[in-house]
Amino acid sequence: MRIDATQRIGRACEEAGLDVFAIGEHHTSGYFSSSPPVLLGAVAAQTSTIALSTAVTMVTTSDPVRLAEDYSTVQHVAAGRVDIVLGRCGTVPPYGRSTNDTRAAQNLTYENYHLLQLLWREKEVDWDGQFRAPLMSFTANPRPLDDVPPFVWHGAARTIAAAEHAASYADGLFAATMLGRPHEVATVIDHYRSAYERNGHGRADQAIVGVGQLVFVAETSQDARRLFRPYFHASPVFDPDMSLEQAEADAHVIVGSPQEVTEKILANRDLYGDYQRQMFWIDHGGMSLDVVLGQLDLLGSQVVPTLRTEFAARRAPGVPTDPPSHADLVERRARMTAAGVTSR
């Protein structure tokens, strides 16, 4: 039922005029989405324009060979409408499937990421690392669409090291405010932008940033809080002792009427600066499909159009409006090839 509902939500996001649909990855009880590429492939086959992404893909607990081949496959199925958000595992049990030491997570992240990019960019890979079996003259198949890998974001809300890693590769940074308070998130974003410029990829304000928030919208603020409260208390994410009011005060969730939700999200720009992707987590706490679809109607008709207009009016000159599309990445590679520059 949840898998069928997720596909319906993906179609509804496109019908509502939203730009992107994302699926998370979990391997613990209480969640169903253990295989994002399979679900994204299904949604890709039922849509034509909406971008597809992950929120997040566990780079620590997945074999880079599997990641390279799965997401290249989805890239072909979706005709390039795919990017991925890489992150570390947020819970302890899955680490036992790849390493017995959670303290090794940072080194494991770096090694798996480096191998993933190597598999996408090199046709024959020789590899001998710390955390997986060696590879000898190995080719990951299928190759990325047009030999250009999907755009990669690094998920980070409180981790400076993740921001530094994203900036070193000129990848995007995706910050989920459910996991950190606004000032913590702002610190990570500021560090990422500074590191992006320090690494010679462009101006700090040209770095690609995404923000994700748990949002519940209804016709009135009173209805929104009344309807959302039981879902909030059923959440596997928040401390059971936390009240909805405290979660709102800490900006972990945004709840309200279309106008209230719009105003709170517009306030992000003052805190985080211009950014390129705004995500709404709207399927939460066992929410019924009808409730999710009702939110999509309000987001698509009342919230998102205003956000697009206001963010565009406030955006500083020269700052990217959107994350790079597949066509953008193909064009960038052509320019770099013509200039004799090799990207890592």
Protein backbone atom coordinates (compact mmCIF):
# COMPACT_ATOMS: atom_id res chain seq x y z
CA MET A 1 0.00 0.00 0.00
CA ARG A 2 2.75 2.49 0.94
CA ILE A 3 4.71 1.65 -2.19
CA ASP A 4 1.64 2.20 -4.39
CA ALA A 5 0.88 5.45 -2.54
CA THR A 6 4.43 6.70 -3.08
CA GLN A 7 4.09 6.27 -6.83
CA ARG A 8 0.78 8.15 -6.73
CA ILE A 9 2.41 10.95 -4.75
CA GLY A 10 5.21 11.16 -7.33
CA ARG A 11 2.68 11.59 -10.12
CA ALA A 12 0.72 14.12 -8.07
CA CYS A 13 3.85 16.21 -7.48
CA GLU A 14 4.28 16.57 -11.24
CA GLU A 15 0.57 17.28 -11.71
CA ALA A 16 0.78 20.01 -9.06
CA GLY A 17 3.63 21.69 -10.93
CA LEU A 18 6.38 20.94 -8.40
CA ASP A 19 9.98 20.69 -9.59
CA VAL A 20 11.31 17.61 -7.80
CA PHE A 21 10.21 14.42 -6.05
CA ALA A 22 12.54 12.61 -3.64
CA ILE A 23 12.54 9.28 -1.78
CA GLY A 24 14.55 8.49 1.34
CA GLU A 25 16.44 5.30 2.20
CA HIS A 26 15.87 3.37 5.44
CA HIS A 27 16.72 -0.10 6.67
CA THR A 28 15.01 -0.06 10.04
CA SER A 29 11.52 -0.93 11.21
CA GLY A 30 8.88 1.76 10.76
CA TYR A 31 10.06 2.65 7.25
CA PHE A 32 9.39 1.04 3.87
CA SER A 33 11.75 2.73 1.40
CA SER A 34 14.80 0.46 1.50
CA SER A 35 15.35 0.65 -2.28
CA PRO A 36 15.08 4.22 -3.64
CA PRO A 37 16.36 3.42 -7.16
CA VAL A 38 13.60 0.87 -7.70
CA LEU A 39 10.91 3.31 -6.58
CA LEU A 40 12.45 6.20 -8.53
CA GLY A 41 12.53 4.05 -11.66
CA ALA A 42 8.83 3.31 -11.21
CA VAL A 43 8.00 7.00 -10.74
CA ALA A 44 10.20 7.93 -13.70
CA ALA A 45 8.17 5.62 -15.92
CA GLN A 46 4.95 7.36 -14.84
CA THR A 47 6.15 10.98 -15.19
CA SER A 48 7.80 13.09 -17.87
CA THR A 49 9.06 16.40 -16.48
CA ILE A 50 9.64 16.30 -12.72
CA ALA A 51 13.19 15.85 -11.42
CA LEU A 52 13.78 12.78 -9.24
CA SER A 53 16.12 12.62 -6.28
CA THR A 54 16.94 10.82 -3.04
CA ALA A 55 16.63 12.01 0.53
CA VAL A 56 19.10 10.48 1.23
CA THR A 57 21.12 7.63 -0.30
CA MET A 58 23.27 5.97 2.35
CA VAL A 59 26.79 6.14 0.99
CA THR A 60 28.13 4.49 4.14
CA THR A 61 26.09 1.31 3.94
CA SER A 62 25.85 0.74 0.18
CA ASP A 63 28.45 -0.77 -2.12
CA PRO A 64 29.64 1.99 -4.49
CA VAL A 65 29.44 -0.46 -7.40
CA ARG A 66 25.76 -1.01 -6.66
CA LEU A 67 25.17 2.75 -6.31
CA ALA A 68 26.96 3.52 -9.58
CA GLU A 69 25.01 0.94 -11.56
CA ASP A 70 21.62 1.54 -9.93
CA TYR A 71 21.61 5.29 -10.41
CA SER A 72 23.04 5.14 -13.92
CA THR A 73 20.14 2.81 -14.73
CA VAL A 74 17.58 5.20 -13.23
CA GLN A 75 19.25 8.04 -15.11
CA HIS A 76 18.57 6.24 -18.42
CA VAL A 77 14.99 5.34 -17.45
CA ALA A 78 14.30 8.97 -16.47
CA ALA A 79 16.11 10.49 -19.49
CA GLY A 80 18.47 12.35 -17.17
CA ARG A 81 15.90 13.67 -14.66
CA VAL A 82 17.86 12.31 -11.69
CA ASP A 83 20.21 13.59 -9.03
CA ILE A 84 21.10 12.04 -5.68
CA VAL A 85 21.69 13.22 -2.13
CA LEU A 86 24.39 11.21 -0.38
CA GLY A 87 24.46 10.95 3.38
CA ARG A 88 25.64 8.84 6.27
CA CYS A 89 23.46 6.44 8.15
CA GLY A 90 21.47 8.18 10.89
CA THR A 91 20.90 5.03 12.92
CA VAL A 92 23.37 2.51 14.33
CA PRO A 93 22.05 -0.93 13.21
CA PRO A 94 22.79 -0.65 9.46
CA TYR A 95 26.47 0.01 10.16
CA GLY A 96 26.81 -3.61 11.21
CA ARG A 97 26.23 -4.57 7.61
CA SER A 98 29.35 -2.80 6.39
CA THR A 99 31.60 -1.94 9.31
CA ASN A 100 31.59 -2.70 13.02
CA ASP A 101 32.93 0.70 14.00
CA THR A 102 30.62 3.70 13.63
CA ARG A 103 33.65 5.92 14.25
CA ALA A 104 34.96 4.82 10.87
CA ALA A 105 31.93 6.39 9.19
CA GLN A 106 33.77 9.48 7.96
CA ASN A 107 36.61 7.54 6.31
CA LEU A 108 34.08 5.06 4.91
CA THR A 109 32.05 7.95 3.47
CA TYR A 110 35.09 9.45 1.76
CA GLU A 111 36.29 6.14 0.36
CA ASN A 112 32.89 5.05 -0.94
CA TYR A 113 32.26 8.46 -2.48
CA HIS A 114 35.63 8.53 -4.22
CA LEU A 115 35.08 5.05 -5.64
CA LEU A 116 31.56 5.95 -6.77
CA GLN A 117 32.84 8.91 -8.77
CA LEU A 118 35.68 6.81 -10.19
CA LEU A 119 33.22 4.14 -11.35
CA TRP A 120 31.08 6.75 -13.06
CA ARG A 121 33.94 8.60 -14.74
CA GLU A 122 36.40 5.83 -15.66
CA LYS A 123 35.55 2.93 -17.99
CA GLU A 124 38.05 0.60 -16.35
CA VAL A 125 38.72 0.88 -12.64
CA ASP A 126 41.50 -0.66 -10.59
CA TRP A 127 40.77 -0.23 -6.90
CA ASP A 128 42.23 -1.36 -3.61
CA GLY A 129 40.73 0.37 -0.61
CA GLN A 130 40.21 -0.21 3.10
CA PHE A 131 36.53 -1.13 3.25
CA ARG A 132 35.68 -3.34 0.24
CA ALA A 133 37.21 -6.05 -1.93
CA PRO A 134 39.62 -4.85 -4.64
CA LEU A 135 38.50 -4.24 -8.22
CA MET A 136 40.61 -5.12 -11.25
CA SER A 137 39.83 -3.63 -14.68
CA PHE A 138 36.20 -3.34 -13.62
CA THR A 139 33.60 -1.47 -15.67
CA ALA A 140 30.33 -0.37 -14.07
CA ASN A 141 27.37 -0.87 -16.38
CA PRO A 142 25.35 0.78 -17.68
CA ARG A 143 27.55 3.80 -18.19
CA PRO A 144 26.03 7.14 -17.09
CA LEU A 145 23.71 8.74 -19.61
CA ASP A 146 25.83 10.69 -22.14
CA ASP A 147 28.81 9.65 -19.96
CA VAL A 148 27.78 12.34 -17.47
CA PRO A 149 26.99 11.17 -13.91
CA PRO A 150 24.00 12.51 -11.97
CA PHE A 151 24.53 15.69 -9.99
CA VAL A 152 25.42 14.84 -6.39
CA TRP A 153 24.38 16.60 -3.21
CA HIS A 154 25.84 15.89 0.23
CA GLY A 155 23.29 15.79 3.02
CA ALA A 156 24.41 17.75 6.08
CA ALA A 157 22.58 19.73 8.73
CA ARG A 158 25.20 19.94 11.47
CA THR A 159 28.39 18.39 10.05
CA ILE A 160 31.11 20.77 8.91
CA ALA A 161 33.20 17.89 7.52
CA ALA A 162 30.38 16.95 5.13
CA ALA A 163 30.12 20.56 3.96
CA GLU A 164 33.87 20.67 3.36
CA HIS A 165 33.73 17.42 1.39
CA ALA A 166 30.87 18.67 -0.79
CA ALA A 167 32.70 21.92 -1.53
CA SER A 168 35.95 20.17 -2.47
CA TYR A 169 34.15 18.38 -5.31
CA ALA A 170 31.88 21.32 -6.29
CA ASP A 171 28.90 19.16 -5.37
CA GLY A 172 25.71 20.52 -3.86
CA LEU A 173 24.92 20.76 -0.14
CA PHE A 174 21.49 19.71 1.07
CA ALA A 175 20.53 20.71 4.63
CA ALA A 176 17.51 19.21 6.35
CA THR A 177 16.26 21.45 9.15
CA MET A 178 14.43 18.54 10.80
CA LEU A 179 17.86 17.49 12.05
CA GLY A 180 19.32 20.79 13.18
CA ARG A 181 18.32 24.19 14.50
CA PRO A 182 18.40 27.09 12.04
CA HIS A 183 21.61 28.65 13.40
CA GLU A 184 23.37 25.26 13.14
CA VAL A 185 22.18 24.79 9.58
CA ALA A 186 23.22 28.35 8.67
CA THR A 187 26.72 27.73 10.04
CA VAL A 188 27.13 24.61 7.89
CA ILE A 189 25.84 26.39 4.77
CA ASP A 190 28.15 29.37 5.34
CA HIS A 191 31.14 27.05 5.74
CA TYR A 192 30.22 25.16 2.58
CA ARG A 193 29.97 28.35 0.54
CA SER A 194 33.30 29.65 1.84
CA ALA A 195 34.97 26.31 1.09
CA TYR A 196 33.43 26.25 -2.40
CA GLU A 197 35.09 29.56 -3.20
CA ARG A 198 38.32 28.60 -1.45
CA ASN A 199 38.54 25.50 -3.67
CA GLY A 200 38.35 27.66 -6.78
CA HIS A 201 34.93 26.58 -8.05
CA GLY A 202 33.44 30.08 -8.22
CA ARG A 203 32.01 32.71 -5.94
CA ALA A 204 30.61 31.60 -2.61
CA ASP A 205 27.09 32.63 -3.62
CA GLN A 206 27.29 30.41 -6.72
CA ALA A 207 27.53 27.22 -4.64
CA ILE A 208 24.46 24.98 -4.94
CA VAL A 209 22.40 24.74 -1.74
CA GLY A 210 19.16 22.92 -0.95
CA VAL A 211 16.98 23.19 2.15
CA GLY A 212 14.52 20.55 3.32
CA GLN A 213 11.77 21.05 5.89
CA LEU A 214 8.95 19.03 7.37
CA VAL A 215 5.86 20.95 6.31
CA PHE A 216 2.16 20.51 6.99
CA VAL A 217 -0.26 22.88 5.30
CA ALA A 218 -4.05 23.15 5.59
CA GLU A 219 -6.65 25.79 4.73
CA THR A 220 -6.27 27.47 8.15
CA SER A 221 -3.55 27.50 10.80
CA GLN A 222 -5.94 26.00 13.34
CA ASP A 223 -6.85 23.13 11.03
CA ALA A 224 -3.19 22.52 10.22
CA ARG A 225 -2.15 22.08 13.84
CA ARG A 226 -5.21 20.06 14.74
CA LEU A 227 -4.75 17.68 11.82
CA PHE A 228 -0.97 17.39 12.07
CA ARG A 229 -0.64 16.86 15.83
CA PRO A 230 -1.38 13.09 15.85
CA TYR A 231 1.04 12.53 12.96
CA PHE A 232 3.72 14.50 14.78
CA HIS A 233 3.35 12.40 17.90
CA ALA A 234 3.52 9.22 15.80
CA SER A 235 6.80 10.39 14.27
CA PRO A 236 9.82 8.07 14.49
CA VAL A 237 12.08 11.12 14.10
CA PHE A 238 11.35 13.36 17.06
CA ASP A 239 11.81 12.85 20.79
CA PRO A 240 8.52 11.52 22.22
CA ASP A 241 8.68 14.20 24.93
CA MET A 242 8.93 17.05 22.42
CA SER A 243 5.75 19.04 21.87
CA LEU A 244 4.59 20.25 18.48
CA GLU A 245 4.92 23.82 19.75
CA GLN A 246 8.56 23.22 20.70
CA ALA A 247 9.29 21.63 17.32
CA GLU A 248 7.80 24.68 15.62
CA ALA A 249 9.76 27.06 17.85
CA ASP A 250 12.98 25.23 16.97
CA ALA A 251 12.01 25.33 13.26
CA HIS A 252 12.12 21.54 12.94
CA VAL A 253 8.63 21.69 11.44
CA ILE A 254 6.54 24.32 9.63
CA VAL A 255 2.80 24.03 10.21
CA GLY A 256 0.08 26.43 9.13
CA SER A 257 -2.08 27.93 6.43
CA PRO A 258 -0.66 28.48 2.92
CA GLN A 259 0.17 32.09 3.81
CA GLU A 260 1.83 31.15 7.11
CA VAL A 261 3.88 28.37 5.50
CA THR A 262 4.91 30.69 2.67
CA GLU A 263 6.05 33.44 5.05
CA LYS A 264 8.10 31.03 7.17
CA ILE A 265 9.85 29.56 4.15
CA LEU A 266 10.57 33.00 2.71
CA ALA A 267 12.31 33.77 6.01
CA ASN A 268 14.85 31.10 5.06
CA ARG A 269 16.31 33.44 2.49
CA ASP A 270 17.23 35.98 5.19
CA LEU A 271 18.94 33.25 7.23
CA TYR A 272 20.51 31.02 4.58
CA GLY A 273 20.93 33.39 1.65
CA ASP A 274 19.81 32.54 -1.88
CA TYR A 275 19.50 28.82 -2.46
CA GLN A 276 18.51 26.56 -5.34
CA ARG A 277 16.18 23.86 -4.00
CA GLN A 278 13.40 23.93 -1.41
CA MET A 279 12.05 20.52 -0.39
CA PHE A 280 8.90 19.76 1.61
CA TRP A 281 8.61 16.57 3.62
CA ILE A 282 4.85 16.07 3.54
CA ASP A 283 4.42 12.29 3.95
CA HIS A 284 5.06 11.75 7.65
CA GLY A 285 3.96 9.81 10.69
CA GLY A 286 1.70 7.35 8.86
CA MET A 287 -0.19 10.07 7.01
CA SER A 288 -2.98 8.89 4.74
CA LEU A 289 -2.71 9.33 0.99
CA ASP A 290 -5.72 11.67 0.90
CA VAL A 291 -4.07 14.00 3.43
CA VAL A 292 -0.82 14.06 1.45
CA LEU A 293 -2.63 14.78 -1.81
CA GLY A 294 -4.59 17.58 -0.12
CA GLN A 295 -1.34 19.22 0.91
CA LEU A 296 0.02 18.90 -2.62
CA ASP A 297 -3.01 20.75 -3.94
CA LEU A 298 -2.39 23.66 -1.56
CA LEU A 299 1.37 23.69 -2.16
CA GLY A 300 0.98 23.62 -5.93
CA SER A 301 -1.78 26.21 -6.13
CA GLN A 302 -0.96 28.67 -3.32
CA VAL A 303 2.50 28.19 -1.80
CA VAL A 304 4.96 27.30 -4.56
CA PRO A 305 3.89 29.98 -7.10
CA THR A 306 4.40 32.70 -4.49
CA LEU A 307 7.75 31.24 -3.40
CA ARG A 308 9.00 31.16 -6.98
CA THR A 309 8.03 34.79 -7.55
CA GLU A 310 9.43 36.07 -4.26
CA PHE A 311 12.69 34.11 -4.37
CA ALA A 312 13.30 35.31 -7.93
CA ALA A 313 12.66 38.94 -6.96
CA ARG A 314 15.07 38.73 -4.03
CA ARG A 315 17.81 36.70 -5.73
CA ALA A 316 21.13 38.52 -6.11
CA PRO A 317 22.54 38.96 -9.64
CA GLY A 318 24.64 36.04 -10.89
CA VAL A 319 23.33 33.54 -8.36
CA PRO A 320 22.06 30.27 -9.92
CA THR A 321 18.29 29.86 -9.88
CA ASP A 322 18.25 26.05 -10.00
CA PRO A 323 20.62 23.14 -9.46
CA PRO A 324 22.29 21.96 -12.67
CA SER A 325 20.16 19.76 -14.91
CA HIS A 326 21.52 16.87 -16.95
CA ALA A 327 21.66 19.15 -19.99
CA ASP A 328 23.63 21.70 -17.95
CA LEU A 329 26.14 19.04 -16.91
CA VAL A 330 26.53 17.79 -20.49
CA GLU A 331 27.21 21.36 -21.65
CA ARG A 332 29.66 21.94 -18.79
CA ARG A 333 31.60 18.80 -19.70
CA ALA A 334 31.78 19.91 -23.36
CA ARG A 335 33.18 23.29 -22.31
CA MET A 336 35.75 21.69 -20.03
CA THR A 337 36.78 19.21 -22.72
CA ALA A 338 37.20 22.02 -25.22
CA ALA A 339 39.33 23.89 -22.71
CA GLY A 340 41.42 20.82 -21.95
CA VAL A 341 40.24 20.66 -18.33
CA THR A 342 39.58 17.35 -16.59
CA SER A 343 37.14 17.21 -13.69
CA ARG A 344 37.68 14.77 -10.87
